[in-house]
C-alpha atoms as a PDB file:
ATOM      1  CA  MET A   1     -76.248  27.709 116.481  1.00  0.00           C
ATOM      2  CA  LYS A   2     -78.672  30.586 115.915  1.00  0.00           C
ATOM      3  CA  LYS A   3     -75.709  32.856 115.170  1.00  0.00           C
ATOM      4  CA  LEU A   4     -74.410  30.413 112.530  1.00  0.00           C
ATOM      5  CA  LEU A   5     -77.843  30.225 110.866  1.00  0.00           C
ATOM      6  CA  LEU A   6     -78.077  34.006 110.806  1.00  0.00           C
ATOM      7  CA  VAL A   7     -74.643  34.306 109.157  1.00  0.00           C
ATOM      8  CA  ALA A   8     -75.608  31.702 106.561  1.00  0.00           C
ATOM      9  CA  PHE A   9     -78.881  33.521 105.812  1.00  0.00           C
ATOM     10  CA  VAL A  10     -77.129  36.872 105.404  1.00  0.00           C
ATOM     11  CA  SER A  11     -74.568  35.231 103.097  1.00  0.00           C
ATOM     12  CA  LEU A  12     -77.337  33.869 100.872  1.00  0.00           C
ATOM     13  CA  LEU A  13     -78.959  37.272 100.669  1.00  0.00           C
ATOM     14  CA  THR A  14     -75.604  38.830  99.759  1.00  0.00           C
ATOM     15  CA  VAL A  15     -74.974  36.290  96.980  1.00  0.00           C
ATOM     16  CA  GLY A  16     -78.497  36.848  95.639  1.00  0.00           C
ATOM     17  CA  SER A  17     -77.974  40.603  95.644  1.00  0.00           C
ATOM     18  CA  TYR A  18     -74.694  40.356  93.708  1.00  0.00           C
ATOM     19  CA  ALA A  19     -76.281  37.981  91.175  1.00  0.00           C
ATOM     20  CA  GLN A  20     -78.776  40.685  90.209  1.00  0.00           C
ATOM     21  CA  ILE A  21     -76.189  43.360  89.467  1.00  0.00           C
ATOM     22  CA  ASN A  22     -75.723  44.141  85.769  1.00  0.00           C
ATOM     23  CA  THR A  23     -72.297  45.307  84.672  1.00  0.00           C
ATOM     24  CA  PRO A  24     -71.082  46.365  81.212  1.00  0.00           C
ATOM     25  CA  ALA A  25     -69.773  43.586  78.985  1.00  0.00           C
ATOM     26  CA  PRO A  26     -66.035  43.824  78.301  1.00  0.00           C
ATOM     27  CA  SER A  27     -66.786  43.208  74.609  1.00  0.00           C
ATOM     28  CA  PRO A  28     -70.262  44.627  73.882  1.00  0.00           C
ATOM     29  CA  PHE A  29     -72.480  42.920  71.320  1.00  0.00           C
ATOM     30  CA  SER A  30     -73.229  44.858  68.143  1.00  0.00           C
ATOM     31  CA  LYS A  31     -75.617  44.294  65.269  1.00  0.00           C
ATOM     32  CA  MET A  32     -75.885  46.290  62.085  1.00  0.00           C
ATOM     33  CA  GLU A  33     -78.019  46.019  58.971  1.00  0.00           C
ATOM     34  CA  GLN A  34     -77.369  47.489  55.566  1.00  0.00           C
ATOM     35  CA  VAL A  35     -79.042  47.244  52.181  1.00  0.00           C
ATOM     36  CA  VAL A  36     -76.538  46.899  49.331  1.00  0.00           C
ATOM     37  CA  GLY A  37     -78.299  47.208  45.984  1.00  0.00           C
ATOM     38  CA  LEU A  38     -81.271  44.886  46.575  1.00  0.00           C
ATOM     39  CA  THR A  39     -79.466  42.638  49.074  1.00  0.00           C
ATOM     40  CA  ASP A  40     -80.029  42.802  52.835  1.00  0.00           C
ATOM     41  CA  VAL A  41     -76.780  42.355  54.762  1.00  0.00           C
ATOM     42  CA  SER A  42     -76.635  41.977  58.532  1.00  0.00           C
ATOM     43  CA  LEU A  43     -73.653  41.667  60.883  1.00  0.00           C
ATOM     44  CA  GLU A  44     -73.546  40.353  64.434  1.00  0.00           C
ATOM     45  CA  TYR A  45     -70.322  40.557  66.431  1.00  0.00           C
ATOM     46  CA  SER A  46     -68.745  41.546  69.735  1.00  0.00           C
ATOM     47  CA  ARG A  47     -66.383  44.514  70.114  1.00  0.00           C
ATOM     48  CA  PRO A  48     -63.304  44.086  72.309  1.00  0.00           C
ATOM     49  CA  ALA A  49     -61.274  47.179  73.219  1.00  0.00           C
ATOM     50  CA  MET A  50     -57.529  47.837  73.052  1.00  0.00           C
ATOM     51  CA  ARG A  51     -57.150  48.922  76.716  1.00  0.00           C
ATOM     52  CA  GLY A  52     -53.502  49.803  76.193  1.00  0.00           C
ATOM     53  CA  ARG A  53     -52.641  46.423  74.701  1.00  0.00           C
ATOM     54  CA  THR A  54     -50.683  45.722  71.533  1.00  0.00           C
ATOM     55  CA  ILE A  55     -53.250  44.052  69.278  1.00  0.00           C
ATOM     56  CA  PHE A  56     -51.889  42.552  66.072  1.00  0.00           C
ATOM     57  CA  GLY A  57     -48.840  40.373  66.411  1.00  0.00           C
ATOM     58  CA  ASN A  58     -49.482  40.080  70.159  1.00  0.00           C
ATOM     59  CA  LEU A  59     -53.044  39.805  71.513  1.00  0.00           C
ATOM     60  CA  VAL A  60     -54.071  38.618  68.032  1.00  0.00           C
ATOM     61  CA  PRO A  61     -51.114  36.532  66.812  1.00  0.00           C
ATOM     62  CA  TYR A  62     -49.977  36.602  63.220  1.00  0.00           C
ATOM     63  CA  GLY A  63     -50.513  33.477  61.150  1.00  0.00           C
ATOM     64  CA  LYS A  64     -53.291  31.979  63.296  1.00  0.00           C
ATOM     65  CA  ILE A  65     -57.054  31.721  62.729  1.00  0.00           C
ATOM     66  CA  TRP A  66     -58.868  34.440  64.671  1.00  0.00           C
ATOM     67  CA  ARG A  67     -62.593  34.595  65.466  1.00  0.00           C
ATOM     68  CA  THR A  68     -62.551  38.235  64.250  1.00  0.00           C
ATOM     69  CA  GLY A  69     -63.983  39.750  67.389  1.00  0.00           C
ATOM     70  CA  ALA A  70     -64.855  38.275  70.781  1.00  0.00           C
ATOM     71  CA  ASN A  71     -67.362  35.946  72.453  1.00  0.00           C
ATOM     72  CA  GLN A  72     -69.622  34.226  69.897  1.00  0.00           C
ATOM     73  CA  ARG A  73     -68.440  33.918  66.315  1.00  0.00           C
ATOM     74  CA  THR A  74     -68.830  36.970  64.148  1.00  0.00           C
ATOM     75  CA  LYS A  75     -71.706  36.322  61.717  1.00  0.00           C
ATOM     76  CA  ILE A  76     -72.736  37.860  58.436  1.00  0.00           C
ATOM     77  CA  THR A  77     -76.027  37.133  56.672  1.00  0.00           C
ATOM     78  CA  PHE A  78     -76.859  37.802  53.013  1.00  0.00           C
ATOM     79  CA  SER A  79     -80.436  37.728  51.712  1.00  0.00           C
ATOM     80  CA  THR A  80     -79.268  36.900  48.179  1.00  0.00           C
ATOM     81  CA  PRO A  81     -76.265  35.152  46.670  1.00  0.00           C
ATOM     82  CA  VAL A  82     -73.138  37.323  46.649  1.00  0.00           C
ATOM     83  CA  THR A  83     -69.636  37.033  45.235  1.00  0.00           C
ATOM     84  CA  VAL A  84     -66.453  37.166  47.303  1.00  0.00           C
ATOM     85  CA  GLY A  85     -63.052  36.760  45.754  1.00  0.00           C
ATOM     86  CA  GLY A  86     -64.651  35.700  42.478  1.00  0.00           C
ATOM     87  CA  LYS A  87     -66.572  32.878  44.183  1.00  0.00           C
ATOM     88  CA  GLU A  88     -70.357  32.841  44.646  1.00  0.00           C
ATOM     89  CA  LEU A  89     -71.726  32.508  48.158  1.00  0.00           C
ATOM     90  CA  LYS A  90     -75.280  31.254  48.540  1.00  0.00           C
ATOM     91  CA  ALA A  91     -77.767  33.373  50.448  1.00  0.00           C
ATOM     92  CA  GLY A  92     -77.479  32.581  54.149  1.00  0.00           C
ATOM     93  CA  THR A  93     -75.349  33.070  57.253  1.00  0.00           C
ATOM     94  CA  TYR A  94     -71.589  32.624  57.581  1.00  0.00           C
ATOM     95  CA  ALA A  95     -68.986  33.001  60.319  1.00  0.00           C
ATOM     96  CA  ILE A  96     -66.158  35.373  59.468  1.00  0.00           C
ATOM     97  CA  PHE A  97     -62.723  34.057  60.423  1.00  0.00           C
ATOM     98  CA  THR A  98     -59.458  35.773  59.606  1.00  0.00           C
ATOM     99  CA  LYS A  99     -55.753  34.970  59.605  1.00  0.00           C
ATOM    100  CA  PRO A 100     -53.980  38.299  60.147  1.00  0.00           C
ATOM    101  CA  GLU A 101     -50.445  38.970  58.955  1.00  0.00           C
ATOM    102  CA  ALA A 102     -48.476  42.213  59.034  1.00  0.00           C
ATOM    103  CA  ALA A 103     -49.012  42.990  55.334  1.00  0.00           C
ATOM    104  CA  SER A 104     -52.232  41.121  54.445  1.00  0.00           C
ATOM    105  CA  TRP A 105     -55.072  39.041  55.890  1.00  0.00           C
ATOM    106  CA  ASP A 106     -56.788  35.891  54.760  1.00  0.00           C
ATOM    107  CA  VAL A 107     -60.543  36.303  55.302  1.00  0.00           C
ATOM    108  CA  TYR A 108     -62.738  33.194  55.449  1.00  0.00           C
ATOM    109  CA  PHE A 109     -66.516  32.833  55.120  1.00  0.00           C
ATOM    110  CA  TYR A 110     -67.230  29.653  57.091  1.00  0.00           C
ATOM    111  CA  THR A 111     -70.506  27.750  56.868  1.00  0.00           C
ATOM    112  CA  GLU A 112     -70.452  26.611  60.528  1.00  0.00           C
ATOM    113  CA  TYR A 113     -71.386  29.916  62.102  1.00  0.00           C
ATOM    114  CA  GLN A 114     -72.678  28.812  65.499  1.00  0.00           C
ATOM    115  CA  GLY A 115     -70.484  28.564  68.576  1.00  0.00           C
ATOM    116  CA  GLY A 116     -67.708  30.620  70.073  1.00  0.00           C
ATOM    117  CA  GLY A 117     -64.092  31.036  69.026  1.00  0.00           C
ATOM    118  CA  ALA A 118     -62.336  29.350  66.140  1.00  0.00           C
ATOM    119  CA  PRO A 119     -63.171  25.699  65.402  1.00  0.00           C
ATOM    120  CA  ARG A 120     -61.099  23.161  67.306  1.00  0.00           C
ATOM    121  CA  GLU A 121     -60.616  21.321  64.046  1.00  0.00           C
ATOM    122  CA  TRP A 122     -60.536  23.519  60.982  1.00  0.00           C
ATOM    123  CA  ASP A 123     -62.474  22.019  58.062  1.00  0.00           C
ATOM    124  CA  ASP A 124     -61.565  23.347  54.619  1.00  0.00           C
ATOM    125  CA  ALA A 125     -64.815  21.846  53.273  1.00  0.00           C
ATOM    126  CA  LYS A 126     -66.713  24.415  55.343  1.00  0.00           C
ATOM    127  CA  VAL A 127     -64.894  27.370  53.777  1.00  0.00           C
ATOM    128  CA  ALA A 128     -67.465  28.792  51.367  1.00  0.00           C
ATOM    129  CA  ALA A 129     -65.060  31.509  50.181  1.00  0.00           C
ATOM    130  CA  MET A 130     -61.644  32.918  51.052  1.00  0.00           C
ATOM    131  CA  VAL A 131     -59.994  36.127  49.960  1.00  0.00           C
ATOM    132  CA  ASN A 132     -56.609  37.678  50.720  1.00  0.00           C
ATOM    133  CA  VAL A 133     -56.731  41.444  51.290  1.00  0.00           C
ATOM    134  CA  PRO A 134     -53.967  43.972  51.985  1.00  0.00           C
ATOM    135  CA  VAL A 135     -53.518  45.748  55.315  1.00  0.00           C
ATOM    136  CA  GLN A 136     -53.973  49.509  55.221  1.00  0.00           C
ATOM    137  CA  LYS A 137     -52.373  51.446  58.074  1.00  0.00           C
ATOM    138  CA  MET A 138     -54.534  54.208  59.524  1.00  0.00           C
ATOM    139  CA  PRO A 139     -53.184  57.552  60.821  1.00  0.00           C
ATOM    140  CA  MET A 140     -55.146  57.136  64.082  1.00  0.00           C
ATOM    141  CA  MET A 141     -55.920  54.378  66.564  1.00  0.00           C
ATOM    142  CA  VAL A 142     -59.365  52.748  66.769  1.00  0.00           C
ATOM    143  CA  GLU A 143     -59.958  51.725  70.385  1.00  0.00           C
ATOM    144  CA  SER A 144     -62.942  49.388  69.826  1.00  0.00           C
ATOM    145  CA  PHE A 145     -62.935  46.584  67.298  1.00  0.00           C
ATOM    146  CA  THR A 146     -65.231  47.662  64.451  1.00  0.00           C
ATOM    147  CA  ILE A 147     -66.753  46.139  61.333  1.00  0.00           C
ATOM    148  CA  THR A 148     -68.385  48.397  58.754  1.00  0.00           C
ATOM    149  CA  ILE A 149     -69.952  48.165  55.327  1.00  0.00           C
ATOM    150  CA  ASP A 150     -68.277  50.880  53.271  1.00  0.00           C
ATOM    151  CA  ASP A 151     -68.141  52.252  49.731  1.00  0.00           C
ATOM    152  CA  LEU A 152     -71.636  51.159  48.765  1.00  0.00           C
ATOM    153  CA  THR A 153     -72.634  50.937  45.116  1.00  0.00           C
ATOM    154  CA  ASN A 154     -75.599  49.288  43.427  1.00  0.00           C
ATOM    155  CA  ASN A 155     -73.438  46.258  42.721  1.00  0.00           C
ATOM    156  CA  GLY A 156     -71.403  45.762  45.882  1.00  0.00           C
ATOM    157  CA  ALA A 157     -69.573  47.178  48.881  1.00  0.00           C
ATOM    158  CA  ASN A 158     -66.555  46.680  51.115  1.00  0.00           C
ATOM    159  CA  LEU A 159     -66.710  44.817  54.379  1.00  0.00           C
ATOM    160  CA  GLY A 160     -64.353  46.937  56.488  1.00  0.00           C
ATOM    161  CA  ILE A 161     -62.515  45.558  59.545  1.00  0.00           C
ATOM    162  CA  LEU A 162     -60.843  48.148  61.802  1.00  0.00           C
ATOM    163  CA  TRP A 163     -58.880  47.876  65.034  1.00  0.00           C
ATOM    164  CA  ALA A 164     -55.842  49.617  66.437  1.00  0.00           C
ATOM    165  CA  ASP A 165     -54.202  51.237  63.387  1.00  0.00           C
ATOM    166  CA  VAL A 166     -55.217  48.479  60.939  1.00  0.00           C
ATOM    167  CA  TYR A 167     -57.929  48.545  58.286  1.00  0.00           C
ATOM    168  CA  VAL A 168     -58.692  45.752  55.831  1.00  0.00           C
ATOM    169  CA  ALA A 169     -61.402  45.926  53.173  1.00  0.00           C
ATOM    170  CA  VAL A 170     -63.124  42.803  51.872  1.00  0.00           C
ATOM    171  CA  PRO A 171     -64.982  43.579  48.630  1.00  0.00           C
ATOM    172  CA  PHE A 172     -68.168  41.674  47.830  1.00  0.00           C
ATOM    173  CA  GLY A 173     -70.570  41.869  44.917  1.00  0.00           C
ATOM    174  CA  VAL A 174     -74.368  41.639  44.877  1.00  0.00           C
ATOM    175  CA  PRO A 175     -76.611  40.529  41.963  1.00  0.00           C
ATOM    176  CA  THR A 176     -78.551  43.783  41.597  1.00  0.00           C
ATOM    177  CA  GLU A 177     -78.262  43.924  37.818  1.00  0.00           C
ATOM    178  CA  LYS A 178     -79.467  40.342  37.434  1.00  0.00           C
ATOM    179  CA  MET A 179     -82.370  40.859  39.842  1.00  0.00           C
ATOM    180  CA  VAL A 180     -83.539  44.087  38.204  1.00  0.00           C
ATOM    181  CA  SER A 181     -83.264  42.561  34.721  1.00  0.00           C
ATOM    182  CA  ALA A 182     -85.396  39.605  35.817  1.00  0.00           C
ATOM    183  CA  GLN A 183     -88.028  41.962  37.214  1.00  0.00           C
ATOM    184  CA  ILE A 184     -88.051  44.025  34.009  1.00  0.00           C
ATOM    185  CA  GLU A 185     -88.468  40.908  31.866  1.00  0.00           C
ATOM    186  CA  LYS A 186     -91.312  39.642  34.076  1.00  0.00           C
ATOM    187  CA  VAL A 187     -93.182  42.938  33.992  1.00  0.00           C
ATOM    188  CA  MET A 188     -92.676  43.429  30.272  1.00  0.00           C
ATOM    189  CA  ALA A 189     -93.842  39.879  29.574  1.00  0.00           C
ATOM    190  CA  GLY A 190     -97.171  40.692  31.202  1.00  0.00           C
ATOM    191  CA  PRO A 191     -99.079  38.939  33.983  1.00  0.00           C
ATOM    192  CA  GLY A 192     -98.257  35.311  34.715  1.00  0.00           C
ATOM    193  CA  ALA A 193    -100.573  32.391  35.433  1.00  0.00           C
ATOM    194  CA  GLY A 194    -100.388  33.088  39.160  1.00  0.00           C
ATOM    195  CA  ASP A 195    -101.373  36.720  38.657  1.00  0.00           C
ATOM    196  CA  TYR A 196    -104.419  35.799  36.561  1.00  0.00           C
ATOM    197  CA  TYR A 197    -105.411  33.045  39.008  1.00  0.00           C
ATOM    198  CA  ALA A 198    -105.184  35.321  42.076  1.00  0.00           C
ATOM    199  CA  ALA A 199    -107.189  38.050  40.311  1.00  0.00           C
ATOM    200  CA  ALA A 200    -109.870  35.587  39.225  1.00  0.00           C
ATOM    201  CA  VAL A 201    -110.312  34.124  42.719  1.00  0.00           C
ATOM    202  CA  TYR A 202    -110.462  37.597  44.270  1.00  0.00           C
ATOM    203  CA  LEU A 203    -113.113  38.845  41.840  1.00  0.00           C
ATOM    204  CA  ALA A 204    -115.216  35.704  42.280  1.00  0.00           C
ATOM    205  CA  ASP A 205    -114.966  35.627  46.084  1.00  0.00           C
ATOM    206  CA  SER A 206    -115.847  39.318  46.266  1.00  0.00           C
ATOM    207  CA  ASP A 207    -118.739  38.974  43.806  1.00  0.00           C
ATOM    208  CA  LYS A 208    -117.174  41.818  41.848  1.00  0.00           C
ATOM    209  CA  ASP A 209    -117.164  40.777  38.205  1.00  0.00           C
ATOM    210  CA  ILE A 210    -117.812  37.097  37.410  1.00  0.00           C
ATOM    211  CA  LYS A 211    -117.348  37.647  33.687  1.00  0.00           C
ATOM    212  CA  LYS A 212    -113.909  39.131  34.250  1.00  0.00           C
ATOM    213  CA  ALA A 213    -113.119  36.426  36.835  1.00  0.00           C
ATOM    214  CA  LYS A 214    -113.907  33.722  34.240  1.00  0.00           C
ATOM    215  CA  GLU A 215    -111.759  35.497  31.646  1.00  0.00           C
ATOM    216  CA  TYR A 216    -108.795  35.653  34.029  1.00  0.00           C
ATOM    217  CA  MET A 217    -109.251  32.022  35.130  1.00  0.00           C
ATOM    218  CA  ASP A 218    -109.337  30.870  31.510  1.00  0.00           C
ATOM    219  CA  LYS A 219    -106.034  32.664  30.905  1.00  0.00           C
ATOM    220  CA  ALA A 220    -104.514  31.210  34.074  1.00  0.00           C
ATOM    221  CA  MET A 221    -105.463  27.669  33.096  1.00  0.00           C
ATOM    222  CA  ALA A 222    -104.247  28.134  29.542  1.00  0.00           C
ATOM    223  CA  MET A 223    -100.833  29.139  30.908  1.00  0.00           C
ATOM    224  CA  THR A 224    -100.667  26.259  33.422  1.00  0.00           C
ATOM    225  CA  GLU A 225     -99.324  22.979  32.058  1.00  0.00           C
ATOM    226  CA  LYS A 226    -100.957  20.767  34.689  1.00  0.00           C
ATOM    227  CA  PRO A 227    -103.459  22.598  36.924  1.00  0.00           C
ATOM    228  CA  ALA A 228    -103.575  21.411  40.543  1.00  0.00           C
ATOM    229  CA  PHE A 229    -106.794  20.053  42.027  1.00  0.00           C
ATOM    230  CA  TRP A 230    -107.285  23.162  44.180  1.00  0.00           C
ATOM    231  CA  GLN A 231    -106.957  25.378  41.090  1.00  0.00           C
ATOM    232  CA  LEU A 232    -109.500  23.262  39.220  1.00  0.00           C
ATOM    233  CA  ARG A 233    -111.806  23.574  42.230  1.00  0.00           C
ATOM    234  CA  GLN A 234    -111.725  27.377  42.000  1.00  0.00           C
ATOM    235  CA  GLN A 235    -112.246  27.187  38.247  1.00  0.00           C
ATOM    236  CA  SER A 236    -115.343  25.008  38.736  1.00  0.00           C
ATOM    237  CA  LEU A 237    -116.846  27.494  41.214  1.00  0.00           C
ATOM    238  CA  ILE A 238    -116.240  30.432  38.874  1.00  0.00           C
ATOM    239  CA  LEU A 239    -117.743  28.540  35.918  1.00  0.00           C
ATOM    240  CA  ALA A 240    -120.792  27.681  38.016  1.00  0.00           C
ATOM    241  CA  LYS A 241    -121.233  31.317  39.067  1.00  0.00           C
ATOM    242  CA  SER A 242    -120.956  32.422  35.457  1.00  0.00           C
ATOM    243  CA  GLY A 243    -123.743  30.017  34.438  1.00  0.00           C
ATOM    244  CA  ASP A 244    -121.555  27.444  32.647  1.00  0.00           C
ATOM    245  CA  LYS A 245    -122.738  24.349  34.534  1.00  0.00           C
ATOM    246  CA  LYS A 246    -121.309  21.934  31.961  1.00  0.00           C
ATOM    247  CA  GLY A 247    -117.856  23.504  32.268  1.00  0.00           C
ATOM    248  CA  ALA A 248    -118.168  23.604  36.075  1.00  0.00           C
ATOM    249  CA  ILE A 249    -118.943  19.878  36.199  1.00  0.00           C
ATOM    250  CA  LYS A 250    -115.999  19.032  33.960  1.00  0.00           C
ATOM    251  CA  ALA A 251    -113.594  21.100  36.106  1.00  0.00           C
ATOM    252  CA  ALA A 252    -115.004  19.641  39.349  1.00  0.00           C
ATOM    253  CA  GLN A 253    -114.587  16.097  38.035  1.00  0.00           C
ATOM    254  CA  ALA A 254    -110.958  16.836  37.175  1.00  0.00           C
ATOM    255  CA  SER A 255    -110.452  18.393  40.618  1.00  0.00           C
ATOM    256  CA  LEU A 256    -112.059  15.363  42.274  1.00  0.00           C
ATOM    257  CA  ALA A 257    -109.744  12.995  40.420  1.00  0.00           C
ATOM    258  CA  GLY A 258    -106.710  15.031  41.459  1.00  0.00           C
ATOM    259  CA  ALA A 259    -107.874  15.221  45.073  1.00  0.00           C
ATOM    260  CA  LYS A 260    -108.349  11.434  45.179  1.00  0.00           C
ATOM    261  CA  GLU A 261    -104.863  10.929  43.768  1.00  0.00           C
ATOM    262  CA  ALA A 262    -103.451  13.281  46.412  1.00  0.00           C
ATOM    263  CA  GLY A 263    -105.543  11.740  49.179  1.00  0.00           C
ATOM    264  CA  ASN A 264    -107.080  15.097  50.132  1.00  0.00           C
ATOM    265  CA  ALA A 265    -110.347  14.276  51.918  1.00  0.00           C
ATOM    266  CA  ASP A 266    -111.489  17.914  52.171  1.00  0.00           C
ATOM    267  CA  TYR A 267    -111.367  18.499  48.414  1.00  0.00           C
ATOM    268  CA  ILE A 268    -112.905  15.094  47.715  1.00  0.00           C
ATOM    269  CA  LYS A 269    -115.909  16.077  49.847  1.00  0.00           C
ATOM    270  CA  MET A 270    -116.216  19.614  48.437  1.00  0.00           C
ATOM    271  CA  ASN A 271    -116.124  18.412  44.842  1.00  0.00           C
ATOM    272  CA  THR A 272    -118.507  15.541  45.553  1.00  0.00           C
ATOM    273  CA  ASP A 273    -120.982  17.915  47.197  1.00  0.00           C
ATOM    274  CA  SER A 274    -120.792  20.345  44.253  1.00  0.00           C
ATOM    275  CA  LEU A 275    -121.203  17.616  41.660  1.00  0.00           C
ATOM    276  CA  LYS A 276    -124.315  16.374  43.514  1.00  0.00           C
ATOM    277  CA  GLU A 277    -125.636  19.931  43.667  1.00  0.00           C
ATOM    278  CA  TRP A 278    -125.100  20.380  39.933  1.00  0.00           C
ATOM    279  CA  GLY A 279    -126.795  17.057  39.126  1.00  0.00           C
ATOM    280  CA  ALA A 280    -123.687  15.190  37.985  1.00  0.00           C
ATOM    281  CA  MET A 281    -123.808  12.461  40.649  1.00  0.00           C
END
């Protein structure tokens, strides 16, 4: 009996020892990040190896949806909208599925990016974009499955997929021109209401320049169609600091009304306390 217990104990120790051994993954995980124009692009995928196998038309059959890698689904994330195959993709994360053929591939950007392998039931409604791209034969063999972002310009790049002697390039466009133009227009138009408001609050809170703070707050309010109760609260404090008690009371009363409508107890109390302090209640 003691001998049997000893054998069982040694077996448990052996199993525990093996469970702690780390070995290399057959298809190592890879993550890359690249800025294209003003768009952040990131890729997450696993990289199977050839290991003497025939890849396309065998390990990866022609005419069938492939996960485009191994393990979890290959994912690509765009920080801005992009265009693929003439179709706009919203900013976000997509799974990349492909349907390889000898001469060309169909490449799919699929909204359901979580999980492993291809979907059990393919849903065309989840295909955000699809593009058909030609196969380019390479003069050398690529042992490990690889995805790259090649041929960068300010307005786009190629998503490159390489394995064995096959390379396919998936072009995508980024809205750099539109984004830069919007920034230029904003800067040339001068500060906005938010800019004036932030500057006014900073100057008042820091006791830097109350006169300038009032000037900036006046501009902010003039540019704001319907000031929020918290904005009116800051305006009332700046007016009070500048010596305009009448204006401060009027702004505080408007802030109080807005706070009551919103059900914000904190601002109701702050405005009530100020109005009492200024002799309006």
